[in-house]
Amino acid sequence: MSTAPLLGRGLVARRFSVDKEDVVFVKGVLEASEGLGALFAERGGELVIAAPESRAAELDEVLADLQRELGARLGPM
């Protein structure tokens, strides 16, 4: 999955893998976090989450919590 079209000036992206059954939960967490990030999925639970640079630390905290809770994996960009 290429993230090139997603990334513009002022955005960061994180590759995040969850079980496909958890995608809707992750989307709900992001939406409940006042627009923290936008979720893009190509197939199954392979996700790319884009967020404003100004919220990168907050996104990383949320993703770390999700890793612990769901056994998700944060991958290289």
N, C-alpha and C. Protein backbone atom coordinates (compact mmCIF):
# COMPACT_ATOMS: atom_id res chain seq x y z
N MET A 1 0.86 -1.17 0.00
CA MET A 1 0.00 0.00 0.00
C MET A 1 0.90 1.23 0.00
N SER A 2 0.71 2.09 -0.93
CA SER A 2 1.50 3.31 -1.01
C SER A 2 0.82 4.43 -0.23
N THR A 3 1.59 5.17 0.54
CA THR A 3 1.02 6.28 1.29
C THR A 3 1.29 7.62 0.62
N ALA A 4 1.96 7.61 -0.51
CA ALA A 4 2.33 8.86 -1.17
C ALA A 4 1.14 9.80 -1.38
N PRO A 5 -0.02 9.33 -1.87
CA PRO A 5 -1.13 10.26 -2.07
C PRO A 5 -1.70 10.82 -0.76
N LEU A 6 -1.46 10.14 0.33
CA LEU A 6 -2.01 10.56 1.61
C LEU A 6 -1.22 11.70 2.23
N LEU A 7 0.07 11.68 2.01
CA LEU A 7 0.94 12.58 2.75
C LEU A 7 1.14 13.90 2.01
N GLY A 8 0.74 14.92 2.66
CA GLY A 8 0.98 16.26 2.17
C GLY A 8 1.71 17.03 3.24
N ARG A 9 1.92 18.24 2.99
CA ARG A 9 2.60 19.11 3.95
C ARG A 9 1.82 19.12 5.27
N GLY A 10 2.52 18.87 6.37
CA GLY A 10 1.90 18.94 7.68
C GLY A 10 1.22 17.67 8.15
N LEU A 11 1.41 16.56 7.42
CA LEU A 11 0.78 15.29 7.82
C LEU A 11 1.82 14.24 8.15
N VAL A 12 1.45 13.36 9.05
CA VAL A 12 2.25 12.17 9.35
C VAL A 12 1.37 10.95 9.12
N ALA A 13 1.99 9.81 8.92
CA ALA A 13 1.22 8.58 8.72
C ALA A 13 1.87 7.45 9.51
N ARG A 14 1.04 6.54 9.95
CA ARG A 14 1.50 5.36 10.68
C ARG A 14 0.85 4.13 10.04
N ARG A 15 1.66 3.10 9.79
CA ARG A 15 1.14 1.82 9.32
C ARG A 15 0.78 1.02 10.57
N PHE A 16 -0.42 0.45 10.59
CA PHE A 16 -0.94 -0.20 11.79
C PHE A 16 -1.70 -1.45 11.35
N SER A 17 -1.40 -2.58 11.95
CA SER A 17 -2.06 -3.84 11.60
C SER A 17 -2.86 -4.37 12.78
N VAL A 18 -4.12 -4.65 12.52
CA VAL A 18 -5.01 -5.24 13.52
C VAL A 18 -5.75 -6.40 12.87
N ASP A 19 -6.39 -7.22 13.69
CA ASP A 19 -7.26 -8.25 13.14
C ASP A 19 -8.40 -7.54 12.41
N LYS A 20 -8.84 -8.11 11.31
CA LYS A 20 -9.87 -7.43 10.51
C LYS A 20 -11.13 -7.15 11.32
N GLU A 21 -11.39 -7.93 12.34
CA GLU A 21 -12.56 -7.71 13.19
C GLU A 21 -12.43 -6.46 14.05
N ASP A 22 -11.22 -5.94 14.19
CA ASP A 22 -10.97 -4.77 15.04
C ASP A 22 -10.92 -3.45 14.28
N VAL A 23 -11.04 -3.47 12.96
CA VAL A 23 -10.92 -2.25 12.16
C VAL A 23 -11.98 -1.23 12.56
N VAL A 24 -13.23 -1.66 12.72
CA VAL A 24 -14.31 -0.74 13.08
C VAL A 24 -14.06 -0.14 14.46
N PHE A 25 -13.52 -0.92 15.38
CA PHE A 25 -13.21 -0.40 16.71
C PHE A 25 -12.15 0.69 16.63
N VAL A 26 -11.07 0.44 15.86
CA VAL A 26 -10.00 1.43 15.71
C VAL A 26 -10.56 2.71 15.08
N LYS A 27 -11.39 2.56 14.07
CA LYS A 27 -12.02 3.72 13.42
C LYS A 27 -12.85 4.51 14.44
N GLY A 28 -13.59 3.81 15.28
CA GLY A 28 -14.39 4.47 16.30
C GLY A 28 -13.54 5.23 17.30
N VAL A 29 -12.42 4.66 17.70
CA VAL A 29 -11.51 5.33 18.63
C VAL A 29 -10.99 6.62 18.01
N LEU A 30 -10.60 6.55 16.74
CA LEU A 30 -10.09 7.76 16.07
C LEU A 30 -11.17 8.82 15.95
N GLU A 31 -12.37 8.41 15.59
CA GLU A 31 -13.46 9.37 15.45
C GLU A 31 -13.84 9.99 16.80
N ALA A 32 -13.76 9.21 17.86
CA ALA A 32 -14.09 9.71 19.19
C ALA A 32 -13.01 10.64 19.73
N SER A 33 -11.86 10.65 19.10
CA SER A 33 -10.74 11.47 19.55
C SER A 33 -10.70 12.80 18.81
N GLU A 34 -11.87 13.34 18.49
CA GLU A 34 -12.00 14.66 17.87
C GLU A 34 -11.12 14.86 16.65
N GLY A 35 -11.24 13.93 15.70
CA GLY A 35 -10.51 14.08 14.45
C GLY A 35 -9.02 13.85 14.55
N LEU A 36 -8.61 13.01 15.46
CA LEU A 36 -7.19 12.73 15.65
C LEU A 36 -6.52 12.28 14.36
N GLY A 37 -7.17 11.40 13.63
CA GLY A 37 -6.56 10.89 12.42
C GLY A 37 -7.60 10.30 11.49
N ALA A 38 -7.18 10.08 10.26
CA ALA A 38 -8.03 9.44 9.25
C ALA A 38 -7.47 8.06 8.96
N LEU A 39 -8.35 7.10 8.89
CA LEU A 39 -7.96 5.71 8.69
C LEU A 39 -8.20 5.32 7.24
N PHE A 40 -7.20 4.66 6.65
CA PHE A 40 -7.30 4.14 5.30
C PHE A 40 -6.95 2.66 5.34
N ALA A 41 -7.78 1.83 4.72
CA ALA A 41 -7.56 0.39 4.71
C ALA A 41 -7.65 -0.12 3.28
N GLU A 42 -6.66 -0.91 2.89
CA GLU A 42 -6.69 -1.49 1.56
C GLU A 42 -7.32 -2.87 1.61
N ARG A 43 -6.97 -3.65 2.64
CA ARG A 43 -7.54 -4.99 2.78
C ARG A 43 -7.40 -5.43 4.24
N GLY A 44 -8.36 -6.18 4.70
CA GLY A 44 -8.30 -6.72 6.05
C GLY A 44 -7.97 -5.68 7.09
N GLY A 45 -7.03 -6.01 7.95
CA GLY A 45 -6.66 -5.12 9.03
C GLY A 45 -5.38 -4.35 8.80
N GLU A 46 -4.92 -4.29 7.54
CA GLU A 46 -3.73 -3.51 7.20
C GLU A 46 -4.15 -2.06 6.99
N LEU A 47 -3.78 -1.20 7.91
CA LEU A 47 -4.25 0.19 7.93
C LEU A 47 -3.12 1.18 7.78
N VAL A 48 -3.46 2.34 7.27
CA VAL A 48 -2.59 3.52 7.32
C VAL A 48 -3.42 4.60 7.98
N ILE A 49 -2.85 5.22 9.00
CA ILE A 49 -3.55 6.28 9.72
C ILE A 49 -2.76 7.56 9.51
N ALA A 50 -3.43 8.57 8.98
CA ALA A 50 -2.81 9.88 8.73
C ALA A 50 -3.35 10.87 9.74
N ALA A 51 -2.47 11.76 10.18
CA ALA A 51 -2.84 12.77 11.18
C ALA A 51 -2.02 14.04 10.96
N PRO A 52 -2.49 15.16 11.48
CA PRO A 52 -1.68 16.38 11.43
C PRO A 52 -0.41 16.21 12.25
N GLU A 53 0.69 16.78 11.78
CA GLU A 53 1.95 16.72 12.52
C GLU A 53 1.80 17.20 13.96
N SER A 54 0.95 18.18 14.16
CA SER A 54 0.76 18.76 15.49
C SER A 54 0.15 17.77 16.47
N ARG A 55 -0.43 16.68 15.95
CA ARG A 55 -1.06 15.69 16.83
C ARG A 55 -0.34 14.34 16.78
N ALA A 56 0.88 14.32 16.25
CA ALA A 56 1.62 13.06 16.10
C ALA A 56 1.86 12.36 17.44
N ALA A 57 2.24 13.11 18.46
CA ALA A 57 2.50 12.50 19.77
C ALA A 57 1.22 11.89 20.35
N GLU A 58 0.11 12.60 20.20
CA GLU A 58 -1.17 12.09 20.68
C GLU A 58 -1.57 10.83 19.92
N LEU A 59 -1.37 10.82 18.60
CA LEU A 59 -1.67 9.63 17.80
C LEU A 59 -0.83 8.46 18.26
N ASP A 60 0.47 8.69 18.49
CA ASP A 60 1.35 7.61 18.94
C ASP A 60 0.91 7.04 20.28
N GLU A 61 0.42 7.88 21.18
CA GLU A 61 -0.08 7.40 22.47
C GLU A 61 -1.30 6.51 22.29
N VAL A 62 -2.23 6.95 21.45
CA VAL A 62 -3.44 6.17 21.20
C VAL A 62 -3.09 4.84 20.55
N LEU A 63 -2.18 4.86 19.58
CA LEU A 63 -1.79 3.62 18.91
C LEU A 63 -1.07 2.68 19.88
N ALA A 64 -0.27 3.20 20.79
CA ALA A 64 0.39 2.36 21.79
C ALA A 64 -0.65 1.69 22.69
N ASP A 65 -1.68 2.44 23.09
CA ASP A 65 -2.76 1.85 23.89
C ASP A 65 -3.47 0.74 23.11
N LEU A 66 -3.74 0.99 21.83
CA LEU A 66 -4.41 -0.01 21.00
C LEU A 66 -3.53 -1.24 20.80
N GLN A 67 -2.23 -1.03 20.70
CA GLN A 67 -1.32 -2.17 20.59
C GLN A 67 -1.46 -3.08 21.81
N ARG A 68 -1.46 -2.48 22.97
CA ARG A 68 -1.58 -3.27 24.21
C ARG A 68 -2.94 -3.95 24.29
N GLU A 69 -3.99 -3.22 23.96
CA GLU A 69 -5.35 -3.73 24.11
C GLU A 69 -5.71 -4.79 23.08
N LEU A 70 -5.28 -4.59 21.85
CA LEU A 70 -5.71 -5.46 20.76
C LEU A 70 -4.62 -6.42 20.25
N GLY A 71 -3.40 -6.22 20.73
CA GLY A 71 -2.31 -7.01 20.17
C GLY A 71 -1.97 -6.56 18.76
N ALA A 72 -2.23 -5.30 18.46
CA ALA A 72 -1.97 -4.73 17.14
C ALA A 72 -0.47 -4.54 16.94
N ARG A 73 -0.09 -4.30 15.70
CA ARG A 73 1.31 -4.11 15.36
C ARG A 73 1.49 -2.78 14.61
N LEU A 74 2.46 -2.01 15.06
CA LEU A 74 2.83 -0.77 14.39
C LEU A 74 3.97 -1.10 13.45
N GLY A 75 3.83 -0.77 12.19
CA GLY A 75 4.82 -1.13 11.20
C GLY A 75 5.59 0.05 10.67
N PRO A 76 6.64 -0.22 9.92
CA PRO A 76 7.43 0.86 9.33
C PRO A 76 6.68 1.53 8.19
N MET A 77 6.93 2.79 8.00
CA MET A 77 6.35 3.52 6.87
C MET A 77 7.37 3.43 5.78
